[in-house]
Amino acid sequence: MAADFDEPVFDEAFVRSAAFREPSARERARPPSRRERRRTRRAARRAGGGRFRRRRRREPSHRLAVFQLIGAVLVLFAISFALWWWNSAPRDAEPESPVGPTVTHSPEPAPTPTAPATDAPSAEIPEI
């Protein structure tokens, strides 16, 4: 049922129950109950971001930024070195020399002197 233009949207009972009232001096003087203290602490933690999140609100220092930059460069260098090592030729523990035909240019051995034959027959003229 829609309200007409001349009728108020909220009746008096609704407005009276929804009105905000200030606490009295006696209510302000008494200590908060356990429930109220717990609710206040919980609201403060939610607003503050908890115990471990306080550090994030702090402005980052330039020194931290420099360390992060140096760390990033070192990580990139390590990755590139590892990729280079992975893609390079395999390395053996003991490198072998290549085996191929060998050409030697050594001189022929010197001739050995021969001794005259002593068992040869003498060159005598036979007597007839």
Protein backbone atom coordinates (compact mmCIF):
# COMPACT_ATOMS: atom_id res chain seq x y z
CA MET A 1 0.00 0.00 0.00
CA ALA A 2 1.61 3.20 -1.13
CA ALA A 3 1.44 6.28 1.03
CA ASP A 4 -0.32 9.35 -0.30
CA PHE A 5 1.52 12.62 -0.61
CA ASP A 6 -0.21 14.15 2.42
CA GLU A 7 0.44 11.19 4.76
CA PRO A 8 3.75 10.99 6.67
CA VAL A 9 6.00 8.08 5.74
CA PHE A 10 6.88 7.26 9.38
CA ASP A 11 4.43 7.38 12.25
CA GLU A 12 5.13 8.93 15.66
CA ALA A 13 5.88 5.62 17.42
CA PHE A 14 8.56 4.78 14.89
CA VAL A 15 10.19 8.18 15.19
CA ARG A 16 10.16 8.02 19.04
CA SER A 17 11.77 4.56 19.10
CA ALA A 18 14.39 5.53 16.52
CA ALA A 19 15.42 8.76 18.21
CA PHE A 20 19.03 8.89 19.45
CA ARG A 21 19.51 9.83 23.05
CA GLU A 22 22.65 10.79 24.94
CA PRO A 23 23.66 8.58 27.89
CA SER A 24 23.07 10.10 31.29
CA ALA A 25 25.93 11.12 33.60
CA ARG A 26 25.39 7.99 35.70
CA GLU A 27 25.59 5.77 32.61
CA ARG A 28 28.78 7.51 31.50
CA ALA A 29 30.39 7.18 34.95
CA ARG A 30 29.98 3.41 35.27
CA PRO A 31 32.74 1.17 33.84
CA PRO A 32 31.91 -0.67 30.62
CA SER A 33 30.77 -4.27 30.90
CA ARG A 34 32.79 -7.22 29.59
CA ARG A 35 30.68 -7.39 26.49
CA GLU A 36 31.19 -3.71 25.72
CA ARG A 37 34.96 -3.96 26.29
CA ARG A 38 35.19 -6.99 24.02
CA ARG A 39 33.13 -5.25 21.37
CA THR A 40 35.35 -2.14 21.59
CA ARG A 41 38.56 -4.18 21.29
CA ARG A 42 37.19 -6.12 18.35
CA ALA A 43 36.18 -2.92 16.58
CA ALA A 44 39.64 -1.42 17.24
CA ARG A 45 41.33 -4.51 15.81
CA ARG A 46 39.20 -4.40 12.71
CA ALA A 47 39.88 -0.71 12.22
CA GLY A 48 43.60 -1.04 13.03
CA GLY A 49 44.21 -4.00 10.79
CA GLY A 50 45.35 -6.42 13.48
CA ARG A 51 48.71 -6.95 15.10
CA PHE A 52 50.63 -7.96 11.97
CA ARG A 53 49.24 -5.38 9.60
CA ARG A 54 50.54 -2.29 11.34
CA ARG A 55 53.75 -2.43 9.36
CA ARG A 56 51.94 -2.00 6.05
CA ARG A 57 50.72 1.46 6.92
CA ARG A 58 54.25 2.71 7.35
CA GLU A 59 55.70 4.41 4.32
CA PRO A 60 58.36 2.25 2.67
CA SER A 61 61.90 3.49 3.09
CA HIS A 62 64.25 4.10 0.20
CA ARG A 63 66.76 1.63 1.63
CA LEU A 64 64.18 -1.15 1.49
CA ALA A 65 63.38 -0.26 -2.12
CA VAL A 66 67.09 -0.38 -3.03
CA PHE A 67 67.49 -3.80 -1.39
CA GLN A 68 64.44 -5.09 -3.23
CA LEU A 69 65.80 -3.81 -6.54
CA ILE A 70 69.23 -5.39 -5.94
CA GLY A 71 67.56 -8.65 -4.94
CA ALA A 72 65.43 -8.67 -8.08
CA VAL A 73 68.49 -8.06 -10.29
CA LEU A 74 70.39 -10.89 -8.56
CA VAL A 75 67.47 -13.27 -9.01
CA LEU A 76 67.22 -12.41 -12.71
CA PHE A 77 70.98 -12.89 -13.12
CA ALA A 78 70.81 -16.28 -11.40
CA ILE A 79 67.96 -17.38 -13.66
CA SER A 80 69.76 -16.28 -16.82
CA PHE A 81 72.99 -17.98 -15.72
CA ALA A 82 71.13 -21.20 -14.98
CA LEU A 83 69.45 -21.14 -18.39
CA TRP A 84 72.79 -20.49 -20.10
CA TRP A 85 74.35 -23.40 -18.20
CA TRP A 86 71.43 -25.69 -19.04
CA ASN A 87 71.58 -24.92 -22.78
CA SER A 88 75.38 -25.00 -23.18
CA ALA A 89 77.37 -28.03 -24.40
CA PRO A 90 77.82 -30.93 -21.97
CA ARG A 91 80.95 -30.86 -19.92
CA ASP A 92 82.97 -34.06 -19.31
CA ALA A 93 85.01 -34.68 -16.20
CA GLU A 94 88.11 -35.53 -18.27
CA PRO A 95 88.12 -34.02 -21.73
CA GLU A 96 89.29 -36.42 -24.40
CA SER A 97 91.70 -35.43 -27.15
CA PRO A 98 90.34 -35.87 -30.65
CA VAL A 99 91.43 -39.08 -32.36
CA GLY A 100 92.42 -38.75 -35.99
CA PRO A 101 95.06 -39.83 -38.46
CA THR A 102 98.53 -38.88 -37.36
CA VAL A 103 101.14 -37.87 -39.93
CA THR A 104 104.72 -38.18 -38.79
CA HIS A 105 107.59 -36.62 -40.66
CA SER A 106 110.47 -38.40 -39.01
CA PRO A 107 113.69 -39.04 -40.90
CA GLU A 108 114.54 -42.57 -41.98
CA PRO A 109 116.90 -44.36 -39.68
CA ALA A 110 120.58 -44.13 -40.52
CA PRO A 111 122.04 -47.21 -42.26
CA THR A 112 123.95 -49.50 -39.98
CA PRO A 113 127.54 -50.23 -41.05
CA THR A 114 128.08 -53.80 -42.23
CA ALA A 115 131.28 -55.70 -41.45
CA PRO A 116 133.19 -57.51 -44.24
CA ALA A 117 132.41 -61.17 -44.52
CA THR A 118 135.15 -63.35 -43.09
CA ASP A 119 133.79 -66.71 -44.13
CA ALA A 120 134.00 -66.01 -47.83
CA PRO A 121 136.41 -68.15 -49.88
CA SER A 122 139.69 -66.50 -50.69
CA ALA A 123 140.41 -65.40 -54.15
CA GLU A 124 143.25 -67.80 -54.77
CA ILE A 125 144.06 -69.05 -58.12
CA PRO A 126 143.72 -72.75 -58.24
CA GLU A 127 146.73 -74.76 -59.22
CA ILE A 128 146.41 -76.99 -62.08
